[in-house]
Amino acid sequence: MTRLVFARGGQSIAELDASPGDALIDVARFHDVPLHWRCGQGTCGTCAVRLQHAAQPRQVQVGRKERNVLLRAGLCSASAAASEQWPDAPETVRLACHLYVGDVPWHITLPDD
């Protein structure tokens, strides 16, 4: 199990365990974490989060669909959207529906309401 801490506005709002490979959005929904989402399929951009974990910094592969949605939502630059490799860093915005729990604890920052 992997420990996940969800926070908003600098305050922890949920701490829970998840299995590696679980979709982050499903974990949040199952545990009633107040993560906004509409489609759950990676097309609306409302489930944007920022991650912090011990494996950072590193480069990660980000799919075209996620990059395009983040670009349309104004959450990444055009140059970032054109690149398949992104920095996995606390300031990088990702979509919870495109993230799968790994084997290191995560601190997930939700956007302010």
PDB file of N, CA and C in Angstrom:
ATOM      1  N   MET A   1       0.844  -1.180   0.000  1.00  0.00           N
ATOM      2  CA  MET A   1       0.000   0.000   0.000  1.00  0.00           C
ATOM      3  C   MET A   1       0.892   1.248   0.000  1.00  0.00           C
ATOM      4  N   THR A   2       0.373   2.270  -0.620  1.00  0.00           N
ATOM      5  CA  THR A   2       1.081   3.548  -0.721  1.00  0.00           C
ATOM      6  C   THR A   2       0.277   4.604   0.023  1.00  0.00           C
ATOM      7  N   ARG A   3       0.950   5.398   0.820  1.00  0.00           N
ATOM      8  CA  ARG A   3       0.300   6.459   1.592  1.00  0.00           C
ATOM      9  C   ARG A   3       0.099   7.683   0.716  1.00  0.00           C
ATOM     10  N   LEU A   4      -1.128   8.204   0.683  1.00  0.00           N
ATOM     11  CA  LEU A   4      -1.464   9.419  -0.056  1.00  0.00           C
ATOM     12  C   LEU A   4      -1.971  10.462   0.921  1.00  0.00           C
ATOM     13  N   VAL A   5      -1.456  11.674   0.794  1.00  0.00           N
ATOM     14  CA  VAL A   5      -1.928  12.793   1.606  1.00  0.00           C
ATOM     15  C   VAL A   5      -2.480  13.830   0.633  1.00  0.00           C
ATOM     16  N   PHE A   6      -3.748  14.153   0.771  1.00  0.00           N
ATOM     17  CA  PHE A   6      -4.396  15.172  -0.054  1.00  0.00           C
ATOM     18  C   PHE A   6      -4.449  16.462   0.753  1.00  0.00           C
ATOM     19  N   ALA A   7      -4.102  17.573   0.109  1.00  0.00           N
ATOM     20  CA  ALA A   7      -4.078  18.867   0.802  1.00  0.00           C
ATOM     21  C   ALA A   7      -4.682  19.940  -0.089  1.00  0.00           C
ATOM     22  N   ARG A   8      -5.205  20.958   0.540  1.00  0.00           N
ATOM     23  CA  ARG A   8      -5.728  22.144  -0.149  1.00  0.00           C
ATOM     24  C   ARG A   8      -5.424  23.345   0.733  1.00  0.00           C
ATOM     25  N   GLY A   9      -4.883  24.392   0.125  1.00  0.00           N
ATOM     26  CA  GLY A   9      -4.577  25.601   0.877  1.00  0.00           C
ATOM     27  C   GLY A   9      -3.590  25.377   1.999  1.00  0.00           C
ATOM     28  N   GLY A  10      -2.669  24.430   1.825  1.00  0.00           N
ATOM     29  CA  GLY A  10      -1.666  24.155   2.839  1.00  0.00           C
ATOM     30  C   GLY A  10      -2.148  23.277   3.980  1.00  0.00           C
ATOM     31  N   GLN A  11      -3.417  22.872   3.958  1.00  0.00           N
ATOM     32  CA  GLN A  11      -3.986  22.043   5.022  1.00  0.00           C
ATOM     33  C   GLN A  11      -4.277  20.640   4.514  1.00  0.00           C
ATOM     34  N   SER A  12      -3.887  19.638   5.282  1.00  0.00           N
ATOM     35  CA  SER A  12      -4.191  18.256   4.940  1.00  0.00           C
ATOM     36  C   SER A  12      -5.698  18.034   5.070  1.00  0.00           C
ATOM     37  N   ILE A  13      -6.307  17.447   4.038  1.00  0.00           N
ATOM     38  CA  ILE A  13      -7.754  17.186   4.101  1.00  0.00           C
ATOM     39  C   ILE A  13      -8.074  15.696   4.109  1.00  0.00           C
ATOM     40  N   ALA A  14      -7.100  14.851   3.731  1.00  0.00           N
ATOM     41  CA  ALA A  14      -7.319  13.406   3.773  1.00  0.00           C
ATOM     42  C   ALA A  14      -5.978  12.693   3.709  1.00  0.00           C
ATOM     43  N   GLU A  15      -5.862  11.624   4.491  1.00  0.00           N
ATOM     44  CA  GLU A  15      -4.697  10.747   4.446  1.00  0.00           C
ATOM     45  C   GLU A  15      -5.234   9.333   4.327  1.00  0.00           C
ATOM     46  N   LEU A  16      -4.760   8.620   3.306  1.00  0.00           N
ATOM     47  CA  LEU A  16      -5.260   7.277   3.082  1.00  0.00           C
ATOM     48  C   LEU A  16      -4.236   6.431   2.358  1.00  0.00           C
ATOM     49  N   ASP A  17      -4.500   5.143   2.302  1.00  0.00           N
ATOM     50  CA  ASP A  17      -3.622   4.207   1.616  1.00  0.00           C
ATOM     51  C   ASP A  17      -4.293   3.745   0.330  1.00  0.00           C
ATOM     52  N   ALA A  18      -3.475   3.526  -0.696  1.00  0.00           N
ATOM     53  CA  ALA A  18      -3.971   3.043  -1.980  1.00  0.00           C
ATOM     54  C   ALA A  18      -2.998   2.002  -2.510  1.00  0.00           C
ATOM     55  N   SER A  19      -3.475   1.176  -3.396  1.00  0.00           N
ATOM     56  CA  SER A  19      -2.640   0.146  -4.011  1.00  0.00           C
ATOM     57  C   SER A  19      -1.923   0.713  -5.224  1.00  0.00           C
ATOM     58  N   PRO A  20      -0.646   0.377  -5.395  1.00  0.00           N
ATOM     59  CA  PRO A  20       0.051   0.789  -6.619  1.00  0.00           C
ATOM     60  C   PRO A  20      -0.741   0.321  -7.845  1.00  0.00           C
ATOM     61  N   GLY A  21      -0.864   1.223  -8.815  1.00  0.00           N
ATOM     62  CA  GLY A  21      -1.629   0.933 -10.020  1.00  0.00           C
ATOM     63  C   GLY A  21      -3.043   1.486 -10.003  1.00  0.00           C
ATOM     64  N   ASP A  22      -3.545   1.889  -8.815  1.00  0.00           N
ATOM     65  CA  ASP A  22      -4.876   2.498  -8.739  1.00  0.00           C
ATOM     66  C   ASP A  22      -4.856   3.867  -9.404  1.00  0.00           C
ATOM     67  N   ALA A  23      -5.916   4.198 -10.126  1.00  0.00           N
ATOM     68  CA  ALA A  23      -6.048   5.533 -10.709  1.00  0.00           C
ATOM     69  C   ALA A  23      -6.290   6.520  -9.573  1.00  0.00           C
ATOM     70  N   LEU A  24      -5.549   7.622  -9.573  1.00  0.00           N
ATOM     71  CA  LEU A  24      -5.666   8.609  -8.497  1.00  0.00           C
ATOM     72  C   LEU A  24      -7.085   9.143  -8.380  1.00  0.00           C
ATOM     73  N   ILE A  25      -7.739   9.404  -9.498  1.00  0.00           N
ATOM     74  CA  ILE A  25      -9.101   9.940  -9.447  1.00  0.00           C
ATOM     75  C   ILE A  25     -10.065   8.947  -8.799  1.00  0.00           C
ATOM     76  N   ASP A  26      -9.883   7.652  -9.059  1.00  0.00           N
ATOM     77  CA  ASP A  26     -10.756   6.640  -8.457  1.00  0.00           C
ATOM     78  C   ASP A  26     -10.539   6.550  -6.957  1.00  0.00           C
ATOM     79  N   VAL A  27      -9.285   6.644  -6.523  1.00  0.00           N
ATOM     80  CA  VAL A  27      -8.984   6.635  -5.089  1.00  0.00           C
ATOM     81  C   VAL A  27      -9.672   7.816  -4.418  1.00  0.00           C
ATOM     82  N   ALA A  28      -9.547   8.995  -5.019  1.00  0.00           N
ATOM     83  CA  ALA A  28     -10.164  10.202  -4.444  1.00  0.00           C
ATOM     84  C   ALA A  28     -11.687  10.055  -4.379  1.00  0.00           C
ATOM     85  N   ARG A  29     -12.290   9.593  -5.447  1.00  0.00           N
ATOM     86  CA  ARG A  29     -13.758   9.437  -5.461  1.00  0.00           C
ATOM     87  C   ARG A  29     -14.215   8.410  -4.445  1.00  0.00           C
ATOM     88  N   PHE A  30     -13.533   7.273  -4.380  1.00  0.00           N
ATOM     89  CA  PHE A  30     -13.926   6.195  -3.469  1.00  0.00           C
ATOM     90  C   PHE A  30     -13.879   6.650  -2.016  1.00  0.00           C
ATOM     91  N   HIS A  31     -12.920   7.524  -1.692  1.00  0.00           N
ATOM     92  CA  HIS A  31     -12.745   7.988  -0.313  1.00  0.00           C
ATOM     93  C   HIS A  31     -13.353   9.374  -0.065  1.00  0.00           C
ATOM     94  N   ASP A  32     -14.174   9.837  -0.988  1.00  0.00           N
ATOM     95  CA  ASP A  32     -14.873  11.127  -0.848  1.00  0.00           C
ATOM     96  C   ASP A  32     -13.930  12.307  -0.630  1.00  0.00           C
ATOM     97  N   VAL A  33     -12.763  12.262  -1.259  1.00  0.00           N
ATOM     98  CA  VAL A  33     -11.844  13.405  -1.239  1.00  0.00           C
ATOM     99  C   VAL A  33     -12.449  14.466  -2.161  1.00  0.00           C
ATOM    100  N   PRO A  34     -12.532  15.716  -1.724  1.00  0.00           N
ATOM    101  CA  PRO A  34     -13.180  16.754  -2.541  1.00  0.00           C
ATOM    102  C   PRO A  34     -12.327  17.219  -3.734  1.00  0.00           C
ATOM    103  N   LEU A  35     -12.070  16.293  -4.637  1.00  0.00           N
ATOM    104  CA  LEU A  35     -11.347  16.587  -5.869  1.00  0.00           C
ATOM    105  C   LEU A  35     -12.380  16.828  -6.954  1.00  0.00           C
ATOM    106  N   HIS A  36     -12.347  18.002  -7.562  1.00  0.00           N
ATOM    107  CA  HIS A  36     -13.321  18.321  -8.607  1.00  0.00           C
ATOM    108  C   HIS A  36     -13.028  17.521  -9.859  1.00  0.00           C
ATOM    109  N   TRP A  37     -14.069  17.035 -10.488  1.00  0.00           N
ATOM    110  CA  TRP A  37     -13.954  16.335 -11.759  1.00  0.00           C
ATOM    111  C   TRP A  37     -15.330  16.352 -12.431  1.00  0.00           C
ATOM    112  N   ARG A  38     -15.324  16.277 -13.724  1.00  0.00           N
ATOM    113  CA  ARG A  38     -16.586  16.206 -14.469  1.00  0.00           C
ATOM    114  C   ARG A  38     -16.651  14.937 -15.305  1.00  0.00           C
ATOM    115  N   CYS A  39     -15.644  14.710 -16.117  1.00  0.00           N
ATOM    116  CA  CYS A  39     -15.744  13.611 -17.082  1.00  0.00           C
ATOM    117  C   CYS A  39     -15.106  12.310 -16.583  1.00  0.00           C
ATOM    118  N   GLY A  40     -14.013  12.388 -15.834  1.00  0.00           N
ATOM    119  CA  GLY A  40     -13.312  11.203 -15.383  1.00  0.00           C
ATOM    120  C   GLY A  40     -12.563  10.476 -16.484  1.00  0.00           C
ATOM    121  N   GLN A  41     -12.505  11.069 -17.673  1.00  0.00           N
ATOM    122  CA  GLN A  41     -11.884  10.422 -18.827  1.00  0.00           C
ATOM    123  C   GLN A  41     -10.745  11.229 -19.420  1.00  0.00           C
ATOM    124  N   GLY A  42     -10.368  12.310 -18.752  1.00  0.00           N
ATOM    125  CA  GLY A  42      -9.222  13.078 -19.212  1.00  0.00           C
ATOM    126  C   GLY A  42      -9.504  14.101 -20.280  1.00  0.00           C
ATOM    127  N   THR A  43     -10.746  14.534 -20.417  1.00  0.00           N
ATOM    128  CA  THR A  43     -11.048  15.507 -21.459  1.00  0.00           C
ATOM    129  C   THR A  43     -11.480  16.875 -20.939  1.00  0.00           C
ATOM    130  N   CYS A  44     -11.842  16.996 -19.670  1.00  0.00           N
ATOM    131  CA  CYS A  44     -12.362  18.275 -19.182  1.00  0.00           C
ATOM    132  C   CYS A  44     -11.316  19.129 -18.467  1.00  0.00           C
ATOM    133  N   GLY A  45     -10.320  18.514 -17.850  1.00  0.00           N
ATOM    134  CA  GLY A  45      -9.263  19.255 -17.172  1.00  0.00           C
ATOM    135  C   GLY A  45      -9.588  19.719 -15.769  1.00  0.00           C
ATOM    136  N   THR A  46     -10.713  19.295 -15.205  1.00  0.00           N
ATOM    137  CA  THR A  46     -11.084  19.790 -13.876  1.00  0.00           C
ATOM    138  C   THR A  46     -10.397  19.067 -12.727  1.00  0.00           C
ATOM    139  N   CYS A  47      -9.774  17.934 -12.989  1.00  0.00           N
ATOM    140  CA  CYS A  47      -9.142  17.163 -11.905  1.00  0.00           C
ATOM    141  C   CYS A  47      -7.649  17.457 -11.789  1.00  0.00           C
ATOM    142  N   ALA A  48      -7.265  18.684 -12.070  1.00  0.00           N
ATOM    143  CA  ALA A  48      -5.859  19.089 -12.018  1.00  0.00           C
ATOM    144  C   ALA A  48      -5.327  19.039 -10.585  1.00  0.00           C
ATOM    145  N   VAL A  49      -4.123  18.487 -10.444  1.00  0.00           N
ATOM    146  CA  VAL A  49      -3.464  18.376  -9.138  1.00  0.00           C
ATOM    147  C   VAL A  49      -1.967  18.624  -9.316  1.00  0.00           C
ATOM    148  N   ARG A  50      -1.298  18.793  -8.205  1.00  0.00           N
ATOM    149  CA  ARG A  50       0.168  18.866  -8.175  1.00  0.00           C
ATOM    150  C   ARG A  50       0.639  17.783  -7.212  1.00  0.00           C
ATOM    151  N   LEU A  51       1.727  17.096  -7.586  1.00  0.00           N
ATOM    152  CA  LEU A  51       2.245  15.988  -6.783  1.00  0.00           C
ATOM    153  C   LEU A  51       3.603  16.321  -6.199  1.00  0.00           C
ATOM    154  N   GLN A  52       3.830  15.773  -5.031  1.00  0.00           N
ATOM    155  CA  GLN A  52       5.149  15.853  -4.425  1.00  0.00           C
ATOM    156  C   GLN A  52       5.451  14.468  -3.865  1.00  0.00           C
ATOM    157  N   HIS A  53       6.642  13.940  -4.181  1.00  0.00           N
ATOM    158  CA  HIS A  53       7.036  12.623  -3.684  1.00  0.00           C
ATOM    159  C   HIS A  53       8.553  12.492  -3.716  1.00  0.00           C
ATOM    160  N   ALA A  54       9.046  11.450  -3.067  1.00  0.00           N
ATOM    161  CA  ALA A  54      10.484  11.267  -2.879  1.00  0.00           C
ATOM    162  C   ALA A  54      11.241  10.975  -4.170  1.00  0.00           C
ATOM    163  N   ALA A  55      10.581  10.500  -5.219  1.00  0.00           N
ATOM    164  CA  ALA A  55      11.264  10.173  -6.474  1.00  0.00           C
ATOM    165  C   ALA A  55      11.521  11.410  -7.340  1.00  0.00           C
ATOM    166  N   GLN A  56      11.042  12.555  -6.925  1.00  0.00           N
ATOM    167  CA  GLN A  56      11.255  13.789  -7.696  1.00  0.00           C
ATOM    168  C   GLN A  56      12.636  14.352  -7.392  1.00  0.00           C
ATOM    169  N   PRO A  57      13.235  15.095  -8.284  1.00  0.00           N
ATOM    170  CA  PRO A  57      12.783  15.393  -9.647  1.00  0.00           C
ATOM    171  C   PRO A  57      13.231  14.305 -10.616  1.00  0.00           C
ATOM    172  N   ARG A  58      12.466  14.140 -11.649  1.00  0.00           N
ATOM    173  CA  ARG A  58      12.771  13.204 -12.725  1.00  0.00           C
ATOM    174  C   ARG A  58      11.922  13.590 -13.933  1.00  0.00           C
ATOM    175  N   GLN A  59      12.151  12.968 -15.046  1.00  0.00           N
ATOM    176  CA  GLN A  59      11.341  13.195 -16.241  1.00  0.00           C
ATOM    177  C   GLN A  59      10.300  12.087 -16.335  1.00  0.00           C
ATOM    178  N   VAL A  60       9.100  12.431 -16.757  1.00  0.00           N
ATOM    179  CA  VAL A  60       8.042  11.445 -16.955  1.00  0.00           C
ATOM    180  C   VAL A  60       7.423  11.625 -18.333  1.00  0.00           C
ATOM    181  N   GLN A  61       6.871  10.551 -18.842  1.00  0.00           N
ATOM    182  CA  GLN A  61       6.174  10.558 -20.121  1.00  0.00           C
ATOM    183  C   GLN A  61       4.743  11.035 -19.871  1.00  0.00           C
ATOM    184  N   VAL A  62       4.300  12.054 -20.599  1.00  0.00           N
ATOM    185  CA  VAL A  62       2.940  12.567 -20.468  1.00  0.00           C
ATOM    186  C   VAL A  62       2.274  12.404 -21.824  1.00  0.00           C
ATOM    187  N   GLY A  63       1.112  11.770 -21.828  1.00  0.00           N
ATOM    188  CA  GLY A  63       0.403  11.479 -23.068  1.00  0.00           C
ATOM    189  C   GLY A  63      -0.134  12.729 -23.754  1.00  0.00           C
ATOM    190  N   ARG A  64      -0.348  12.604 -25.044  1.00  0.00           N
ATOM    191  CA  ARG A  64      -0.837  13.728 -25.852  1.00  0.00           C
ATOM    192  C   ARG A  64      -2.188  14.243 -25.365  1.00  0.00           C
ATOM    193  N   LYS A  65      -3.092  13.345 -25.016  1.00  0.00           N
ATOM    194  CA  LYS A  65      -4.417  13.761 -24.554  1.00  0.00           C
ATOM    195  C   LYS A  65      -4.313  14.648 -23.309  1.00  0.00           C
ATOM    196  N   GLU A  66      -3.538  14.211 -22.330  1.00  0.00           N
ATOM    197  CA  GLU A  66      -3.377  15.009 -21.106  1.00  0.00           C
ATOM    198  C   GLU A  66      -2.722  16.343 -21.411  1.00  0.00           C
ATOM    199  N   ARG A  67      -1.679  16.343 -22.232  1.00  0.00           N
ATOM    200  CA  ARG A  67      -1.001  17.593 -22.591  1.00  0.00           C
ATOM    201  C   ARG A  67      -1.963  18.563 -23.259  1.00  0.00           C
ATOM    202  N   ASN A  68      -2.783  18.083 -24.201  1.00  0.00           N
ATOM    203  CA  ASN A  68      -3.720  18.953 -24.911  1.00  0.00           C
ATOM    204  C   ASN A  68      -4.795  19.511 -23.987  1.00  0.00           C
ATOM    205  N   VAL A  69      -5.294  18.690 -23.084  1.00  0.00           N
ATOM    206  CA  VAL A  69      -6.317  19.155 -22.136  1.00  0.00           C
ATOM    207  C   VAL A  69      -5.738  20.223 -21.215  1.00  0.00           C
ATOM    208  N   LEU A  70      -4.521  19.997 -20.708  1.00  0.00           N
ATOM    209  CA  LEU A  70      -3.885  20.993 -19.838  1.00  0.00           C
ATOM    210  C   LEU A  70      -3.599  22.287 -20.592  1.00  0.00           C
ATOM    211  N   LEU A  71      -3.228  22.192 -21.859  1.00  0.00           N
ATOM    212  CA  LEU A  71      -3.002  23.386 -22.676  1.00  0.00           C
ATOM    213  C   LEU A  71      -4.307  24.164 -22.851  1.00  0.00           C
ATOM    214  N   ARG A  72      -5.387  23.477 -23.220  1.00  0.00           N
ATOM    215  CA  ARG A  72      -6.697  24.140 -23.392  1.00  0.00           C
ATOM    216  C   ARG A  72      -7.177  24.802 -22.106  1.00  0.00           C
ATOM    217  N   ALA A  73      -6.864  24.187 -20.971  1.00  0.00           N
ATOM    218  CA  ALA A  73      -7.288  24.730 -19.674  1.00  0.00           C
ATOM    219  C   ALA A  73      -6.352  25.837 -19.194  1.00  0.00           C
ATOM    220  N   GLY A  74      -5.289  26.114 -19.946  1.00  0.00           N
ATOM    221  CA  GLY A  74      -4.339  27.149 -19.545  1.00  0.00           C
ATOM    222  C   GLY A  74      -3.432  26.724 -18.404  1.00  0.00           C
ATOM    223  N   LEU A  75      -3.259  25.409 -18.221  1.00  0.00           N
ATOM    224  CA  LEU A  75      -2.470  24.902 -17.102  1.00  0.00           C
ATOM    225  C   LEU A  75      -1.065  24.468 -17.493  1.00  0.00           C
ATOM    226  N   CYS A  76      -0.731  24.611 -18.782  1.00  0.00           N
ATOM    227  CA  CYS A  76       0.638  24.374 -19.238  1.00  0.00           C
ATOM    228  C   CYS A  76       0.886  25.254 -20.453  1.00  0.00           C
ATOM    229  N   SER A  77       2.144  25.437 -20.769  1.00  0.00           N
ATOM    230  CA  SER A  77       2.509  26.268 -21.917  1.00  0.00           C
ATOM    231  C   SER A  77       2.444  25.447 -23.210  1.00  0.00           C
ATOM    232  N   ALA A  78       2.443  26.136 -24.331  1.00  0.00           N
ATOM    233  CA  ALA A  78       2.441  25.467 -25.637  1.00  0.00           C
ATOM    234  C   ALA A  78       3.715  24.646 -25.812  1.00  0.00           C
ATOM    235  N   SER A  79       4.834  25.148 -25.327  1.00  0.00           N
ATOM    236  CA  SER A  79       6.079  24.388 -25.465  1.00  0.00           C
ATOM    237  C   SER A  79       6.031  23.107 -24.619  1.00  0.00           C
ATOM    238  N   ALA A  80       5.441  23.166 -23.445  1.00  0.00           N
ATOM    239  CA  ALA A  80       5.297  21.957 -22.625  1.00  0.00           C
ATOM    240  C   ALA A  80       4.355  20.971 -23.309  1.00  0.00           C
ATOM    241  N   ALA A  81       3.258  21.475 -23.864  1.00  0.00           N
ATOM    242  CA  ALA A  81       2.291  20.596 -24.530  1.00  0.00           C
ATOM    243  C   ALA A  81       2.900  19.900 -25.739  1.00  0.00           C
ATOM    244  N   ALA A  82       3.919  20.498 -26.331  1.00  0.00           N
ATOM    245  CA  ALA A  82       4.573  19.907 -27.503  1.00  0.00           C
ATOM    246  C   ALA A  82       5.586  18.834 -27.126  1.00  0.00           C
ATOM    247  N   SER A  83       5.912  18.714 -25.856  1.00  0.00           N
ATOM    248  CA  SER A  83       6.930  17.771 -25.403  1.00  0.00           C
ATOM    249  C   SER A  83       6.297  16.568 -24.709  1.00  0.00           C
ATOM    250  N   GLU A  84       6.759  15.376 -25.048  1.00  0.00           N
ATOM    251  CA  GLU A  84       6.266  14.160 -24.395  1.00  0.00           C
ATOM    252  C   GLU A  84       6.896  13.951 -23.030  1.00  0.00           C
ATOM    253  N   GLN A  85       8.074  14.509 -22.803  1.00  0.00           N
ATOM    254  CA  GLN A  85       8.774  14.377 -21.531  1.00  0.00           C
ATOM    255  C   GLN A  85       8.568  15.637 -20.694  1.00  0.00           C
ATOM    256  N   TRP A  86       8.047  15.463 -19.495  1.00  0.00           N
ATOM    257  CA  TRP A  86       7.816  16.586 -18.587  1.00  0.00           C
ATOM    258  C   TRP A  86       8.596  16.370 -17.300  1.00  0.00           C
ATOM    259  N   PRO A  87       8.938  17.477 -16.646  1.00  0.00           N
ATOM    260  CA  PRO A  87       9.555  17.317 -15.332  1.00  0.00           C
ATOM    261  C   PRO A  87       8.498  16.871 -14.322  1.00  0.00           C
ATOM    262  N   ASP A  88       8.807  15.821 -13.608  1.00  0.00           N
ATOM    263  CA  ASP A  88       7.951  15.394 -12.504  1.00  0.00           C
ATOM    264  C   ASP A  88       8.439  16.181 -11.301  1.00  0.00           C
ATOM    265  N   ALA A  89       7.776  17.293 -11.041  1.00  0.00           N
ATOM    266  CA  ALA A  89       8.181  18.223  -9.988  1.00  0.00           C
ATOM    267  C   ALA A  89       6.926  18.787  -9.326  1.00  0.00           C
ATOM    268  N   PRO A  90       7.040  19.269  -8.082  1.00  0.00           N
ATOM    269  CA  PRO A  90       5.864  19.775  -7.373  1.00  0.00           C
ATOM    270  C   PRO A  90       5.107  20.884  -8.089  1.00  0.00           C
ATOM    271  N   GLU A  91       5.766  21.658  -8.953  1.00  0.00           N
ATOM    272  CA  GLU A  91       5.073  22.753  -9.637  1.00  0.00           C
ATOM    273  C   GLU A  91       4.378  22.311 -10.929  1.00  0.00           C
ATOM    274  N   THR A  92       4.583  21.076 -11.361  1.00  0.00           N
ATOM    275  CA  THR A  92       3.976  20.583 -12.592  1.00  0.00           C
ATOM    276  C   THR A  92       2.536  20.163 -12.333  1.00  0.00           C
ATOM    277  N   VAL A  93       1.604  20.679 -13.120  1.00  0.00           N
ATOM    278  CA  VAL A  93       0.190  20.323 -12.995  1.00  0.00           C
ATOM    279  C   VAL A  93      -0.060  19.062 -13.810  1.00  0.00           C
ATOM    280  N   ARG A  94      -0.787  18.130 -13.214  1.00  0.00           N
ATOM    281  CA  ARG A  94      -1.169  16.885 -13.894  1.00  0.00           C
ATOM    282  C   ARG A  94      -2.656  16.657 -13.659  1.00  0.00           C
ATOM    283  N   LEU A  95      -3.232  15.747 -14.422  1.00  0.00           N
ATOM    284  CA  LEU A  95      -4.636  15.383 -14.263  1.00  0.00           C
ATOM    285  C   LEU A  95      -4.740  14.092 -13.464  1.00  0.00           C
ATOM    286  N   ALA A  96      -5.555  14.095 -12.409  1.00  0.00           N
ATOM    287  CA  ALA A  96      -5.698  12.925 -11.544  1.00  0.00           C
ATOM    288  C   ALA A  96      -6.199  11.710 -12.315  1.00  0.00           C
ATOM    289  N   CYS A  97      -6.960  11.925 -13.377  1.00  0.00           N
ATOM    290  CA  CYS A  97      -7.478  10.797 -14.147  1.00  0.00           C
ATOM    291  C   CYS A  97      -6.412  10.150 -15.020  1.00  0.00           C
ATOM    292  N   HIS A  98      -5.256  10.765 -15.154  1.00  0.00           N
ATOM    293  CA  HIS A  98      -4.151  10.211 -15.933  1.00  0.00           C
ATOM    294  C   HIS A  98      -3.015   9.718 -15.035  1.00  0.00           C
ATOM    295  N   LEU A  99      -3.189   9.791 -13.728  1.00  0.00           N
ATOM    296  CA  LEU A  99      -2.136   9.397 -12.789  1.00  0.00           C
ATOM    297  C   LEU A  99      -2.496   8.094 -12.091  1.00  0.00           C
ATOM    298  N   TYR A 100      -1.495   7.254 -11.954  1.00  0.00           N
ATOM    299  CA  TYR A 100      -1.680   5.973 -11.289  1.00  0.00           C
ATOM    300  C   TYR A 100      -0.719   5.897 -10.110  1.00  0.00           C
ATOM    301  N   VAL A 101      -1.234   5.471  -8.987  1.00  0.00           N
ATOM    302  CA  VAL A 101      -0.470   5.413  -7.747  1.00  0.00           C
ATOM    303  C   VAL A 101       0.769   4.543  -7.950  1.00  0.00           C
ATOM    304  N   GLY A 102       1.887   5.050  -7.468  1.00  0.00           N
ATOM    305  CA  GLY A 102       3.145   4.309  -7.527  1.00  0.00           C
ATOM    306  C   GLY A 102       3.441   3.656  -6.198  1.00  0.00           C
ATOM    307  N   ASP A 103       4.706   3.405  -5.963  1.00  0.00           N
ATOM    308  CA  ASP A 103       5.078   2.718  -4.726  1.00  0.00           C
ATOM    309  C   ASP A 103       5.771   3.625  -3.714  1.00  0.00           C
ATOM    310  N   VAL A 104       5.774   4.944  -3.968  1.00  0.00           N
ATOM    311  CA  VAL A 104       6.301   5.889  -2.985  1.00  0.00           C
ATOM    312  C   VAL A 104       5.153   6.782  -2.508  1.00  0.00           C
ATOM    313  N   PRO A 105       5.182   7.203  -1.246  1.00  0.00           N
ATOM    314  CA  PRO A 105       4.115   8.071  -0.741  1.00  0.00           C
ATOM    315  C   PRO A 105       4.001   9.360  -1.565  1.00  0.00           C
ATOM    316  N   TRP A 106       2.777   9.811  -1.768  1.00  0.00           N
ATOM    317  CA  TRP A 106       2.495  11.029  -2.525  1.00  0.00           C
ATOM    318  C   TRP A 106       1.838  12.058  -1.633  1.00  0.00           C
ATOM    319  N   HIS A 107       2.183  13.312  -1.859  1.00  0.00           N
ATOM    320  CA  HIS A 107       1.478  14.459  -1.285  1.00  0.00           C
ATOM    321  C   HIS A 107       0.799  15.136  -2.463  1.00  0.00           C
ATOM    322  N   ILE A 108      -0.519  15.156  -2.478  1.00  0.00           N
ATOM    323  CA  ILE A 108      -1.290  15.676  -3.610  1.00  0.00           C
ATOM    324  C   ILE A 108      -1.911  17.003  -3.215  1.00  0.00           C
ATOM    325  N   THR A 109      -1.596  18.051  -3.945  1.00  0.00           N
ATOM    326  CA  THR A 109      -2.175  19.362  -3.663  1.00  0.00           C
ATOM    327  C   THR A 109      -3.316  19.611  -4.642  1.00  0.00           C
ATOM    328  N   LEU A 110      -4.491  19.832  -4.081  1.00  0.00           N
ATOM    329  CA  LEU A 110      -5.679  20.151  -4.872  1.00  0.00           C
ATOM    330  C   LEU A 110      -5.751  21.656  -5.059  1.00  0.00           C
ATOM    331  N   PRO A 111      -6.331  22.101  -6.184  1.00  0.00           N
ATOM    332  CA  PRO A 111      -6.464  23.549  -6.376  1.00  0.00           C
ATOM    333  C   PRO A 111      -7.396  24.158  -5.332  1.00  0.00           C
ATOM    334  N   ASP A 112      -7.151  25.416  -5.016  1.00  0.00           N
ATOM    335  CA  ASP A 112      -8.055  26.136  -4.109  1.00  0.00           C
ATOM    336  C   ASP A 112      -9.402  26.313  -4.793  1.00  0.00           C
ATOM    337  N   ASP A 113     -10.461  26.247  -4.000  1.00  0.00           N
ATOM    338  CA  ASP A 113     -11.819  26.452  -4.576  1.00  0.00           C
ATOM    339  C   ASP A 113     -12.035  27.863  -5.008  1.00  0.00           C
TER     340      ASP A 113
END
